[in-house]
Amino acid sequence: MLLDYPLLSPGDQMGRDEFLGRWYQMPGLKFAELIEGAVYMSPLSLRQANRDNLIPGLLFSYAAHVPDCQPLTNATSLMTPTSVPQPDASLRWVREVGGRSRVDDELMAGVPELAVEICLSSRSYDLGPKRLLYQSAGVPEYLAIILENQQIEWRVQEQVGRYRLLKPHKDGTLRSRIFPGLWLDIDAYWRNDRAALLATVERGLAAESKS
């Protein structure tokens, strides 16, 4: 039985259970997150929504060829006792092959292996509090696409609690360390060239199959 909580408002301070109680009472709410005890809510612009579709398509294409990984879009995650983020996209290994997340009452609990944020109106906290959350919670890879200045930052966690930026390969691709063959063509992304993005993933998978 749900408690009768007040509705969510940006800037509210609360714990995870109260956040979920309020969230369940707002079934029409699409974007709300709890980051280290603070509520964040932001509208999705048309520009951001258009770019949001590229990465999920890329992840779904990759997962179609790779067993035991699952792509998710805007999946609410029970990440820590004080944080319930909603990555724009994520990719996870299933538990049977050592994945770090699980399904808990129809929500993802734990951390995905890759979290993705498309940053525009949410840039200040995607690159601030949310990046720090993903880092401290142990998300192995964090891909931030910054629309304002056409910049892509792919971070990998090689030490506990510390990210480092991946450098593009000489062919202009960024390549996951966790998901073999998951390559992102930087120029194709900014050209909105879906065919080239998918071709790059196929090239990455082919290269991994030969290694």
N, C-alpha and C. Protein backbone atom coordinates (compact mmCIF):
# COMPACT_ATOMS: atom_id res chain seq x y z
N MET A 1 0.85 -1.20 0.00
CA MET A 1 0.00 0.00 0.00
C MET A 1 0.88 1.25 0.00
N LEU A 2 0.63 2.16 -0.92
CA LEU A 2 1.43 3.37 -1.02
C LEU A 2 1.00 4.40 0.02
N LEU A 3 1.97 5.08 0.61
CA LEU A 3 1.68 6.16 1.52
C LEU A 3 1.24 7.39 0.73
N ASP A 4 0.51 8.28 1.40
CA ASP A 4 0.01 9.49 0.75
C ASP A 4 1.05 10.60 0.87
N TYR A 5 2.00 10.61 -0.09
CA TYR A 5 3.06 11.61 -0.09
C TYR A 5 2.62 12.83 -0.90
N PRO A 6 3.20 14.02 -0.63
CA PRO A 6 3.01 15.15 -1.54
C PRO A 6 3.72 14.87 -2.85
N LEU A 7 3.38 15.64 -3.89
CA LEU A 7 3.99 15.43 -5.19
C LEU A 7 5.44 15.92 -5.20
N LEU A 8 6.21 15.42 -6.16
CA LEU A 8 7.60 15.81 -6.29
C LEU A 8 7.73 17.23 -6.82
N SER A 9 8.76 17.91 -6.35
CA SER A 9 9.12 19.23 -6.87
C SER A 9 10.63 19.32 -6.97
N PRO A 10 11.16 20.01 -8.00
CA PRO A 10 12.61 20.15 -8.13
C PRO A 10 13.21 20.78 -6.88
N GLY A 11 14.33 20.22 -6.44
CA GLY A 11 15.02 20.76 -5.28
C GLY A 11 14.61 20.15 -3.96
N ASP A 12 13.52 19.35 -3.94
CA ASP A 12 13.14 18.67 -2.71
C ASP A 12 14.28 17.78 -2.21
N GLN A 13 14.41 17.66 -0.90
CA GLN A 13 15.40 16.80 -0.28
C GLN A 13 14.69 15.63 0.39
N MET A 14 15.14 14.40 0.11
CA MET A 14 14.47 13.23 0.67
C MET A 14 15.31 11.98 0.48
N GLY A 15 14.89 10.89 1.07
CA GLY A 15 15.52 9.60 0.88
C GLY A 15 14.87 8.84 -0.27
N ARG A 16 15.44 7.67 -0.56
CA ARG A 16 14.98 6.91 -1.72
C ARG A 16 13.54 6.43 -1.57
N ASP A 17 13.16 5.94 -0.40
CA ASP A 17 11.81 5.40 -0.22
C ASP A 17 10.75 6.48 -0.40
N GLU A 18 11.02 7.66 0.15
CA GLU A 18 10.05 8.76 -0.03
C GLU A 18 9.98 9.18 -1.48
N PHE A 19 11.14 9.25 -2.16
CA PHE A 19 11.15 9.61 -3.58
C PHE A 19 10.29 8.63 -4.38
N LEU A 20 10.48 7.34 -4.16
CA LEU A 20 9.71 6.35 -4.90
C LEU A 20 8.23 6.43 -4.57
N GLY A 21 7.90 6.70 -3.31
CA GLY A 21 6.49 6.86 -2.93
C GLY A 21 5.83 8.00 -3.67
N ARG A 22 6.53 9.13 -3.77
CA ARG A 22 5.98 10.28 -4.51
C ARG A 22 5.95 10.00 -6.01
N TRP A 23 7.00 9.36 -6.50
CA TRP A 23 7.10 9.05 -7.94
C TRP A 23 5.96 8.16 -8.39
N TYR A 24 5.62 7.14 -7.60
CA TYR A 24 4.53 6.23 -7.96
C TYR A 24 3.17 6.94 -7.97
N GLN A 25 3.06 8.03 -7.24
CA GLN A 25 1.80 8.78 -7.22
C GLN A 25 1.68 9.74 -8.40
N MET A 26 2.71 9.78 -9.27
CA MET A 26 2.70 10.67 -10.43
C MET A 26 2.95 9.84 -11.68
N PRO A 27 2.00 8.98 -12.08
CA PRO A 27 2.23 8.05 -13.19
C PRO A 27 2.50 8.72 -14.52
N GLY A 28 2.09 9.97 -14.70
CA GLY A 28 2.35 10.68 -15.94
C GLY A 28 3.71 11.35 -16.00
N LEU A 29 4.46 11.28 -14.89
CA LEU A 29 5.77 11.94 -14.83
C LEU A 29 6.80 11.11 -15.58
N LYS A 30 7.52 11.75 -16.51
CA LYS A 30 8.49 11.01 -17.33
C LYS A 30 9.92 11.16 -16.83
N PHE A 31 10.30 12.35 -16.37
CA PHE A 31 11.70 12.59 -16.03
C PHE A 31 11.81 13.19 -14.63
N ALA A 32 12.23 12.36 -13.70
CA ALA A 32 12.49 12.80 -12.33
C ALA A 32 13.57 11.90 -11.76
N GLU A 33 14.53 12.51 -11.08
CA GLU A 33 15.64 11.75 -10.52
C GLU A 33 15.93 12.20 -9.10
N LEU A 34 16.50 11.30 -8.34
CA LEU A 34 17.01 11.63 -7.02
C LEU A 34 18.52 11.45 -7.07
N ILE A 35 19.26 12.54 -6.90
CA ILE A 35 20.72 12.50 -6.95
C ILE A 35 21.26 12.95 -5.60
N GLU A 36 21.82 12.01 -4.86
CA GLU A 36 22.35 12.28 -3.53
C GLU A 36 21.36 13.06 -2.68
N GLY A 37 20.12 12.58 -2.68
CA GLY A 37 19.09 13.13 -1.81
C GLY A 37 18.34 14.33 -2.33
N ALA A 38 18.69 14.83 -3.52
CA ALA A 38 18.02 16.00 -4.10
C ALA A 38 17.25 15.60 -5.35
N VAL A 39 16.05 16.17 -5.52
CA VAL A 39 15.20 15.87 -6.66
C VAL A 39 15.56 16.78 -7.83
N TYR A 40 15.71 16.17 -9.01
CA TYR A 40 15.95 16.92 -10.25
C TYR A 40 14.86 16.55 -11.24
N MET A 41 14.29 17.57 -11.88
CA MET A 41 13.28 17.36 -12.91
C MET A 41 13.56 18.36 -14.03
N SER A 42 13.64 17.87 -15.27
CA SER A 42 13.93 18.78 -16.37
C SER A 42 13.13 18.38 -17.60
N PRO A 43 12.62 19.36 -18.37
CA PRO A 43 11.91 19.06 -19.61
C PRO A 43 12.88 18.58 -20.68
N LEU A 44 12.36 17.86 -21.67
CA LEU A 44 13.17 17.35 -22.77
C LEU A 44 12.88 18.18 -24.01
N SER A 45 13.90 18.90 -24.51
CA SER A 45 13.71 19.73 -25.69
C SER A 45 13.65 18.86 -26.94
N LEU A 46 13.11 19.44 -28.04
CA LEU A 46 13.04 18.70 -29.31
C LEU A 46 14.43 18.32 -29.79
N ARG A 47 15.38 19.25 -29.65
CA ARG A 47 16.76 18.97 -30.08
C ARG A 47 17.34 17.80 -29.29
N GLN A 48 17.08 17.82 -27.99
CA GLN A 48 17.60 16.75 -27.14
C GLN A 48 16.92 15.42 -27.45
N ALA A 49 15.61 15.46 -27.68
CA ALA A 49 14.88 14.22 -27.99
C ALA A 49 15.36 13.60 -29.29
N ASN A 50 15.65 14.43 -30.28
CA ASN A 50 16.14 13.92 -31.56
C ASN A 50 17.47 13.21 -31.38
N ARG A 51 18.38 13.79 -30.60
CA ARG A 51 19.67 13.18 -30.35
C ARG A 51 19.54 11.96 -29.44
N ASP A 52 18.55 11.97 -28.55
CA ASP A 52 18.34 10.84 -27.65
C ASP A 52 18.12 9.54 -28.40
N ASN A 53 17.54 9.63 -29.60
CA ASN A 53 17.20 8.42 -30.34
C ASN A 53 18.42 7.72 -30.93
N LEU A 54 19.51 8.45 -31.18
CA LEU A 54 20.66 7.87 -31.85
C LEU A 54 21.36 6.82 -31.00
N ILE A 55 21.65 7.14 -29.77
CA ILE A 55 22.41 6.23 -28.92
C ILE A 55 21.60 4.99 -28.55
N PRO A 56 20.32 5.10 -28.15
CA PRO A 56 19.56 3.87 -27.92
C PRO A 56 19.52 2.96 -29.14
N GLY A 57 19.38 3.56 -30.34
CA GLY A 57 19.39 2.75 -31.55
C GLY A 57 20.70 2.01 -31.72
N LEU A 58 21.79 2.70 -31.40
CA LEU A 58 23.11 2.10 -31.48
C LEU A 58 23.24 0.94 -30.49
N LEU A 59 22.78 1.15 -29.26
CA LEU A 59 22.89 0.12 -28.24
C LEU A 59 22.00 -1.09 -28.55
N PHE A 60 20.81 -0.84 -29.09
CA PHE A 60 19.93 -1.95 -29.45
C PHE A 60 20.53 -2.75 -30.59
N SER A 61 21.16 -2.06 -31.54
CA SER A 61 21.81 -2.76 -32.64
C SER A 61 22.96 -3.62 -32.13
N TYR A 62 23.73 -3.09 -31.22
CA TYR A 62 24.84 -3.85 -30.65
C TYR A 62 24.32 -5.08 -29.91
N ALA A 63 23.29 -4.88 -29.06
CA ALA A 63 22.77 -5.98 -28.26
C ALA A 63 22.14 -7.08 -29.11
N ALA A 64 21.68 -6.73 -30.31
CA ALA A 64 21.10 -7.74 -31.19
C ALA A 64 22.14 -8.76 -31.64
N HIS A 65 23.42 -8.36 -31.56
CA HIS A 65 24.51 -9.25 -32.00
C HIS A 65 25.29 -9.84 -30.83
N VAL A 66 25.04 -9.36 -29.63
CA VAL A 66 25.84 -9.77 -28.47
C VAL A 66 24.93 -10.37 -27.40
N PRO A 67 25.05 -11.65 -27.14
CA PRO A 67 24.20 -12.29 -26.12
C PRO A 67 24.48 -11.73 -24.72
N ASP A 68 23.46 -11.78 -23.90
CA ASP A 68 23.60 -11.51 -22.47
C ASP A 68 23.82 -10.05 -22.11
N CYS A 69 23.59 -9.11 -23.04
CA CYS A 69 23.58 -7.71 -22.65
C CYS A 69 22.21 -7.13 -22.99
N GLN A 70 21.81 -6.11 -22.23
CA GLN A 70 20.47 -5.54 -22.36
C GLN A 70 20.55 -4.02 -22.43
N PRO A 71 20.04 -3.43 -23.51
CA PRO A 71 19.98 -1.96 -23.60
C PRO A 71 18.70 -1.44 -22.95
N LEU A 72 18.79 -0.28 -22.33
CA LEU A 72 17.66 0.32 -21.65
C LEU A 72 17.59 1.80 -22.00
N THR A 73 16.38 2.35 -22.05
CA THR A 73 16.18 3.77 -22.32
C THR A 73 15.39 4.39 -21.19
N ASN A 74 15.94 5.44 -20.57
CA ASN A 74 15.26 6.16 -19.48
C ASN A 74 14.81 5.22 -18.36
N ALA A 75 15.64 4.24 -18.03
CA ALA A 75 15.28 3.28 -16.99
C ALA A 75 15.63 3.83 -15.61
N THR A 76 14.64 3.92 -14.75
CA THR A 76 14.87 4.36 -13.38
C THR A 76 15.70 3.31 -12.65
N SER A 77 16.73 3.75 -11.96
CA SER A 77 17.68 2.83 -11.34
C SER A 77 17.79 3.07 -9.85
N LEU A 78 17.60 2.01 -9.07
CA LEU A 78 17.82 2.08 -7.62
C LEU A 78 19.32 1.91 -7.39
N MET A 79 20.06 3.00 -7.52
CA MET A 79 21.52 2.89 -7.57
C MET A 79 22.16 2.90 -6.20
N THR A 80 21.74 3.82 -5.33
CA THR A 80 22.27 3.88 -3.97
C THR A 80 21.10 4.24 -3.04
N PRO A 81 21.30 4.16 -1.71
CA PRO A 81 20.21 4.52 -0.80
C PRO A 81 19.73 5.97 -0.93
N THR A 82 20.56 6.85 -1.52
CA THR A 82 20.17 8.26 -1.64
C THR A 82 20.04 8.72 -3.09
N SER A 83 20.13 7.79 -4.04
CA SER A 83 20.11 8.19 -5.45
C SER A 83 19.31 7.22 -6.30
N VAL A 84 18.40 7.81 -7.10
CA VAL A 84 17.59 7.06 -8.06
C VAL A 84 17.69 7.79 -9.40
N PRO A 85 18.80 7.61 -10.13
CA PRO A 85 18.96 8.31 -11.41
C PRO A 85 18.15 7.65 -12.52
N GLN A 86 18.02 8.37 -13.60
CA GLN A 86 17.30 7.89 -14.78
C GLN A 86 18.15 8.20 -16.01
N PRO A 87 19.17 7.37 -16.28
CA PRO A 87 20.03 7.65 -17.43
C PRO A 87 19.22 7.72 -18.73
N ASP A 88 19.66 8.58 -19.65
CA ASP A 88 18.98 8.65 -20.94
C ASP A 88 19.04 7.30 -21.66
N ALA A 89 20.15 6.60 -21.49
CA ALA A 89 20.30 5.25 -22.05
C ALA A 89 21.32 4.52 -21.20
N SER A 90 21.25 3.20 -21.23
CA SER A 90 22.24 2.41 -20.50
C SER A 90 22.34 1.04 -21.15
N LEU A 91 23.44 0.37 -20.82
CA LEU A 91 23.67 -0.99 -21.33
C LEU A 91 24.21 -1.81 -20.17
N ARG A 92 23.63 -2.99 -19.98
CA ARG A 92 24.01 -3.81 -18.84
C ARG A 92 24.24 -5.26 -19.26
N TRP A 93 25.20 -5.89 -18.60
CA TRP A 93 25.32 -7.34 -18.71
C TRP A 93 24.32 -7.95 -17.75
N VAL A 94 23.72 -9.07 -18.12
CA VAL A 94 22.78 -9.74 -17.22
C VAL A 94 23.55 -10.41 -16.09
N ARG A 95 22.85 -10.71 -15.00
CA ARG A 95 23.50 -11.25 -13.81
C ARG A 95 24.20 -12.58 -14.08
N GLU A 96 23.65 -13.37 -15.00
CA GLU A 96 24.19 -14.70 -15.26
C GLU A 96 25.62 -14.66 -15.80
N VAL A 97 26.03 -13.53 -16.36
CA VAL A 97 27.41 -13.43 -16.88
C VAL A 97 28.21 -12.40 -16.08
N GLY A 98 27.75 -12.12 -14.86
CA GLY A 98 28.51 -11.24 -13.98
C GLY A 98 28.08 -9.80 -13.98
N GLY A 99 26.91 -9.48 -14.52
CA GLY A 99 26.43 -8.10 -14.53
C GLY A 99 26.24 -7.54 -13.12
N ARG A 100 26.37 -6.24 -13.00
CA ARG A 100 26.34 -5.59 -11.69
C ARG A 100 24.95 -5.09 -11.29
N SER A 101 23.96 -5.30 -12.13
CA SER A 101 22.61 -4.85 -11.83
C SER A 101 21.64 -6.03 -11.85
N ARG A 102 20.46 -5.79 -11.32
CA ARG A 102 19.42 -6.81 -11.29
C ARG A 102 18.07 -6.12 -11.40
N VAL A 103 17.02 -6.89 -11.62
CA VAL A 103 15.67 -6.34 -11.65
C VAL A 103 15.04 -6.51 -10.28
N ASP A 104 14.58 -5.41 -9.70
CA ASP A 104 13.99 -5.41 -8.36
C ASP A 104 12.64 -4.70 -8.44
N ASP A 105 11.56 -5.48 -8.37
CA ASP A 105 10.20 -4.92 -8.43
C ASP A 105 10.02 -4.05 -9.68
N GLU A 106 10.47 -4.58 -10.83
CA GLU A 106 10.35 -3.97 -12.15
C GLU A 106 11.25 -2.74 -12.34
N LEU A 107 12.13 -2.48 -11.41
CA LEU A 107 13.11 -1.41 -11.56
C LEU A 107 14.51 -2.02 -11.57
N MET A 108 15.45 -1.31 -12.18
CA MET A 108 16.82 -1.78 -12.16
C MET A 108 17.47 -1.38 -10.84
N ALA A 109 18.12 -2.34 -10.20
CA ALA A 109 18.85 -2.07 -8.96
C ALA A 109 20.32 -2.36 -9.19
N GLY A 110 21.18 -1.54 -8.58
CA GLY A 110 22.60 -1.65 -8.83
C GLY A 110 23.02 -0.71 -9.94
N VAL A 111 24.14 -1.03 -10.61
CA VAL A 111 24.65 -0.12 -11.63
C VAL A 111 24.75 -0.84 -12.97
N PRO A 112 24.40 -0.14 -14.07
CA PRO A 112 24.65 -0.69 -15.40
C PRO A 112 26.15 -0.57 -15.70
N GLU A 113 26.61 -1.33 -16.68
CA GLU A 113 28.02 -1.24 -17.05
C GLU A 113 28.31 0.03 -17.85
N LEU A 114 27.30 0.57 -18.52
CA LEU A 114 27.44 1.82 -19.28
C LEU A 114 26.22 2.69 -19.05
N ALA A 115 26.45 3.94 -18.65
CA ALA A 115 25.37 4.92 -18.52
C ALA A 115 25.63 6.03 -19.53
N VAL A 116 24.55 6.52 -20.15
CA VAL A 116 24.66 7.56 -21.18
C VAL A 116 23.74 8.72 -20.82
N GLU A 117 24.27 9.93 -20.94
CA GLU A 117 23.45 11.13 -20.76
C GLU A 117 23.63 12.05 -21.95
N ILE A 118 22.50 12.57 -22.46
CA ILE A 118 22.50 13.57 -23.53
C ILE A 118 22.31 14.92 -22.85
N CYS A 119 23.33 15.75 -22.85
CA CYS A 119 23.36 16.94 -22.00
C CYS A 119 23.00 18.20 -22.78
N LEU A 120 21.96 18.89 -22.32
CA LEU A 120 21.62 20.21 -22.84
C LEU A 120 21.12 21.04 -21.68
N SER A 121 19.81 20.99 -21.41
CA SER A 121 19.28 21.72 -20.26
C SER A 121 19.78 21.12 -18.95
N SER A 122 20.15 19.83 -18.98
CA SER A 122 20.60 19.14 -17.76
C SER A 122 22.11 19.11 -17.63
N ARG A 123 22.82 19.88 -18.45
CA ARG A 123 24.28 19.78 -18.48
C ARG A 123 24.92 19.98 -17.12
N SER A 124 24.46 20.97 -16.35
CA SER A 124 25.14 21.31 -15.11
C SER A 124 25.17 20.14 -14.13
N TYR A 125 24.10 19.36 -14.07
CA TYR A 125 24.16 18.24 -13.13
C TYR A 125 24.53 16.92 -13.78
N ASP A 126 24.39 16.79 -15.12
CA ASP A 126 24.90 15.59 -15.79
C ASP A 126 26.42 15.51 -15.66
N LEU A 127 27.09 16.66 -15.76
CA LEU A 127 28.54 16.70 -15.67
C LEU A 127 29.03 17.02 -14.27
N GLY A 128 28.11 17.29 -13.36
CA GLY A 128 28.46 17.59 -11.98
C GLY A 128 28.01 16.50 -11.04
N PRO A 129 26.90 16.72 -10.33
CA PRO A 129 26.45 15.74 -9.34
C PRO A 129 26.22 14.33 -9.92
N LYS A 130 25.69 14.25 -11.14
CA LYS A 130 25.41 12.91 -11.66
C LYS A 130 26.70 12.18 -12.04
N ARG A 131 27.64 12.90 -12.62
CA ARG A 131 28.92 12.25 -12.92
C ARG A 131 29.59 11.75 -11.65
N LEU A 132 29.56 12.56 -10.59
CA LEU A 132 30.14 12.14 -9.33
C LEU A 132 29.41 10.93 -8.75
N LEU A 133 28.08 10.90 -8.92
CA LEU A 133 27.32 9.74 -8.46
C LEU A 133 27.75 8.48 -9.20
N TYR A 134 27.77 8.54 -10.53
CA TYR A 134 28.15 7.36 -11.31
C TYR A 134 29.56 6.89 -10.94
N GLN A 135 30.43 7.85 -10.70
CA GLN A 135 31.81 7.52 -10.36
C GLN A 135 31.87 6.82 -9.00
N SER A 136 31.20 7.38 -7.99
CA SER A 136 31.27 6.80 -6.64
C SER A 136 30.48 5.50 -6.54
N ALA A 137 29.41 5.37 -7.33
CA ALA A 137 28.60 4.15 -7.28
C ALA A 137 29.25 2.99 -8.02
N GLY A 138 30.27 3.29 -8.84
CA GLY A 138 30.99 2.23 -9.53
C GLY A 138 30.48 1.89 -10.91
N VAL A 139 29.80 2.85 -11.58
CA VAL A 139 29.40 2.62 -12.98
C VAL A 139 30.68 2.57 -13.82
N PRO A 140 30.98 1.45 -14.48
CA PRO A 140 32.28 1.30 -15.15
C PRO A 140 32.53 2.31 -16.26
N GLU A 141 31.49 2.67 -17.02
CA GLU A 141 31.67 3.60 -18.13
C GLU A 141 30.53 4.62 -18.15
N TYR A 142 30.88 5.87 -18.44
CA TYR A 142 29.90 6.95 -18.50
C TYR A 142 30.14 7.76 -19.76
N LEU A 143 29.14 7.76 -20.64
CA LEU A 143 29.20 8.49 -21.90
C LEU A 143 28.31 9.72 -21.80
N ALA A 144 28.92 10.89 -21.90
CA ALA A 144 28.18 12.16 -21.86
C ALA A 144 28.31 12.85 -23.21
N ILE A 145 27.17 13.14 -23.82
CA ILE A 145 27.14 13.82 -25.11
C ILE A 145 26.64 15.25 -24.87
N ILE A 146 27.53 16.21 -25.08
CA ILE A 146 27.27 17.60 -24.73
C ILE A 146 26.86 18.34 -26.00
N LEU A 147 25.56 18.60 -26.14
CA LEU A 147 25.03 19.15 -27.39
C LEU A 147 25.48 20.58 -27.64
N GLU A 148 25.61 21.36 -26.58
CA GLU A 148 25.86 22.80 -26.74
C GLU A 148 27.13 23.09 -27.54
N ASN A 149 28.19 22.33 -27.27
CA ASN A 149 29.45 22.59 -27.99
C ASN A 149 29.92 21.36 -28.76
N GLN A 150 29.00 20.45 -29.06
CA GLN A 150 29.29 19.26 -29.86
C GLN A 150 30.55 18.54 -29.36
N GLN A 151 30.46 18.10 -28.14
CA GLN A 151 31.56 17.40 -27.49
C GLN A 151 31.06 16.08 -26.92
N ILE A 152 31.86 15.02 -27.07
CA ILE A 152 31.52 13.72 -26.53
C ILE A 152 32.61 13.31 -25.55
N GLU A 153 32.19 12.99 -24.32
CA GLU A 153 33.12 12.57 -23.29
C GLU A 153 32.75 11.15 -22.84
N TRP A 154 33.65 10.21 -23.09
CA TRP A 154 33.43 8.81 -22.69
C TRP A 154 34.44 8.51 -21.59
N ARG A 155 33.94 8.30 -20.39
CA ARG A 155 34.80 8.04 -19.24
C ARG A 155 34.78 6.57 -18.87
N VAL A 156 35.93 6.08 -18.44
CA VAL A 156 36.04 4.69 -17.98
C VAL A 156 36.64 4.71 -16.58
N GLN A 157 36.20 3.77 -15.76
CA GLN A 157 36.69 3.70 -14.39
C GLN A 157 37.74 2.59 -14.30
N GLU A 158 38.98 3.00 -14.21
CA GLU A 158 40.07 2.05 -14.10
C GLU A 158 40.55 1.89 -12.67
N GLN A 159 40.22 2.85 -11.81
CA GLN A 159 40.47 2.75 -10.38
C GLN A 159 39.16 3.03 -9.66
N VAL A 160 39.00 2.44 -8.49
CA VAL A 160 37.76 2.64 -7.73
C VAL A 160 37.57 4.13 -7.43
N GLY A 161 36.39 4.64 -7.83
CA GLY A 161 36.07 6.04 -7.53
C GLY A 161 36.78 7.06 -8.38
N ARG A 162 37.34 6.63 -9.52
CA ARG A 162 38.04 7.61 -10.37
C ARG A 162 37.82 7.28 -11.85
N TYR A 163 37.37 8.27 -12.60
CA TYR A 163 37.20 8.14 -14.04
C TYR A 163 38.39 8.73 -14.79
N ARG A 164 38.60 8.23 -16.00
CA ARG A 164 39.49 8.91 -16.93
C ARG A 164 38.81 8.95 -18.29
N LEU A 165 39.13 9.98 -19.05
CA LEU A 165 38.53 10.15 -20.38
C LEU A 165 39.20 9.24 -21.39
N LEU A 166 38.38 8.57 -22.21
CA LEU A 166 38.92 7.82 -23.33
C LEU A 166 39.36 8.79 -24.43
N LYS A 167 40.46 8.46 -25.08
CA LYS A 167 40.90 9.24 -26.24
C LYS A 167 40.40 8.58 -27.51
N PRO A 168 39.95 9.36 -28.49
CA PRO A 168 39.50 8.76 -29.76
C PRO A 168 40.64 8.01 -30.45
N HIS A 169 40.30 6.92 -31.11
CA HIS A 169 41.26 6.23 -31.95
C HIS A 169 41.54 7.08 -33.19
N LYS A 170 42.58 6.71 -33.92
CA LYS A 170 42.99 7.51 -35.08
C LYS A 170 41.93 7.54 -36.17
N ASP A 171 40.97 6.57 -36.13
CA ASP A 171 39.88 6.58 -37.11
C ASP A 171 38.68 7.40 -36.65
N GLY A 172 38.82 8.09 -35.51
CA GLY A 172 37.74 8.95 -35.03
C GLY A 172 36.65 8.24 -34.26
N THR A 173 36.96 7.06 -33.74
CA THR A 173 35.97 6.32 -32.96
C THR A 173 36.36 6.30 -31.49
N LEU A 174 35.33 6.27 -30.64
CA LEU A 174 35.50 5.97 -29.23
C LEU A 174 35.06 4.53 -29.01
N ARG A 175 35.81 3.77 -28.21
CA ARG A 175 35.57 2.33 -28.10
C ARG A 175 35.44 1.90 -26.65
N SER A 176 34.33 1.23 -26.37
CA SER A 176 34.07 0.75 -25.02
C SER A 176 35.14 -0.24 -24.57
N ARG A 177 35.46 -0.20 -23.28
CA ARG A 177 36.37 -1.18 -22.69
C ARG A 177 35.58 -2.35 -22.09
N ILE A 178 34.30 -2.13 -21.83
CA ILE A 178 33.46 -3.14 -21.18
C ILE A 178 32.71 -3.99 -22.20
N PHE A 179 32.30 -3.38 -23.30
CA PHE A 179 31.51 -4.08 -24.33
C PHE A 179 32.34 -4.19 -25.60
N PRO A 180 32.95 -5.34 -25.84
CA PRO A 180 33.82 -5.51 -27.01
C PRO A 180 33.09 -5.21 -28.32
N GLY A 181 33.69 -4.35 -29.13
CA GLY A 181 33.11 -4.02 -30.43
C GLY A 181 32.13 -2.87 -30.42
N LEU A 182 31.84 -2.32 -29.26
CA LEU A 182 30.93 -1.16 -29.20
C LEU A 182 31.75 0.09 -29.50
N TRP A 183 31.70 0.50 -30.76
CA TRP A 183 32.45 1.66 -31.24
C TRP A 183 31.47 2.77 -31.62
N LEU A 184 31.85 4.00 -31.30
CA LEU A 184 31.04 5.18 -31.63
C LEU A 184 31.82 6.07 -32.58
N ASP A 185 31.27 6.29 -33.77
CA ASP A 185 31.87 7.19 -34.77
C ASP A 185 31.45 8.62 -34.42
N ILE A 186 32.42 9.40 -33.97
CA ILE A 186 32.11 10.74 -33.47
C ILE A 186 31.54 11.64 -34.56
N ASP A 187 32.18 11.70 -35.70
CA ASP A 187 31.70 12.57 -36.78
C ASP A 187 30.33 12.14 -37.28
N ALA A 188 30.10 10.84 -37.37
CA ALA A 188 28.79 10.35 -37.84
C ALA A 188 27.69 10.73 -36.87
N TYR A 189 28.01 10.75 -35.59
CA TYR A 189 27.00 11.15 -34.61
C TYR A 189 26.58 12.60 -34.85
N TRP A 190 27.55 13.49 -35.02
CA TRP A 190 27.19 14.89 -35.19
C TRP A 190 26.56 15.17 -36.55
N ARG A 191 26.80 14.29 -37.52
CA ARG A 191 26.12 14.42 -38.82
C ARG A 191 24.72 13.81 -38.78
N ASN A 192 24.38 13.19 -37.66
CA ASN A 192 23.10 12.49 -37.54
C ASN A 192 22.99 11.37 -38.57
N ASP A 193 24.10 10.70 -38.84
CA ASP A 193 24.21 9.67 -39.89
C ASP A 193 24.02 8.29 -39.24
N ARG A 194 22.80 7.85 -39.19
CA ARG A 194 22.49 6.58 -38.52
C ARG A 194 23.15 5.40 -39.22
N ALA A 195 23.16 5.43 -40.56
CA ALA A 195 23.74 4.32 -41.31
C ALA A 195 25.22 4.16 -40.98
N ALA A 196 25.94 5.28 -40.90
CA ALA A 196 27.37 5.23 -40.59
C ALA A 196 27.59 4.77 -39.15
N LEU A 197 26.74 5.19 -38.23
CA LEU A 197 26.87 4.75 -36.84
C LEU A 197 26.72 3.24 -36.72
N LEU A 198 25.71 2.70 -37.40
CA LEU A 198 25.48 1.25 -37.35
C LEU A 198 26.60 0.49 -38.05
N ALA A 199 27.09 1.05 -39.15
CA ALA A 199 28.20 0.40 -39.87
C ALA A 199 29.44 0.33 -39.00
N THR A 200 29.66 1.36 -38.19
CA THR A 200 30.82 1.38 -37.30
C THR A 200 30.71 0.31 -36.23
N VAL A 201 29.51 0.11 -35.70
CA VAL A 201 29.30 -0.97 -34.72
C VAL A 201 29.56 -2.33 -35.36
N GLU A 202 29.07 -2.51 -36.58
CA GLU A 202 29.31 -3.78 -37.27
C GLU A 202 30.79 -4.00 -37.51
N ARG A 203 31.50 -2.91 -37.83
CA ARG A 203 32.94 -3.01 -38.03
C ARG A 203 33.65 -3.38 -36.73
N GLY A 204 33.19 -2.78 -35.63
CA GLY A 204 33.77 -3.11 -34.34
C GLY A 204 33.54 -4.55 -33.94
N LEU A 205 32.33 -5.05 -34.17
CA LEU A 205 32.02 -6.44 -33.85
C LEU A 205 32.85 -7.40 -34.70
N ALA A 206 33.00 -7.06 -35.97
CA ALA A 206 33.79 -7.90 -36.86
C ALA A 206 35.24 -7.94 -36.42
N ALA A 207 35.77 -6.78 -36.00
CA ALA A 207 37.16 -6.72 -35.54
C ALA A 207 37.35 -7.56 -34.28
N GLU A 208 36.37 -7.51 -33.37
CA GLU A 208 36.49 -8.29 -32.15
C GLU A 208 36.41 -9.79 -32.41
N SER A 209 35.60 -10.18 -33.41
CA SER A 209 35.47 -11.60 -33.70
C SER A 209 36.75 -12.20 -34.27
N LYS A 210 37.61 -11.33 -34.83
CA LYS A 210 38.87 -11.80 -35.41
C LYS A 210 40.01 -11.80 -34.40
N SER A 211 39.80 -11.09 -33.28
CA SER A 211 40.88 -10.95 -32.30
C SER A 211 40.95 -12.13 -31.35
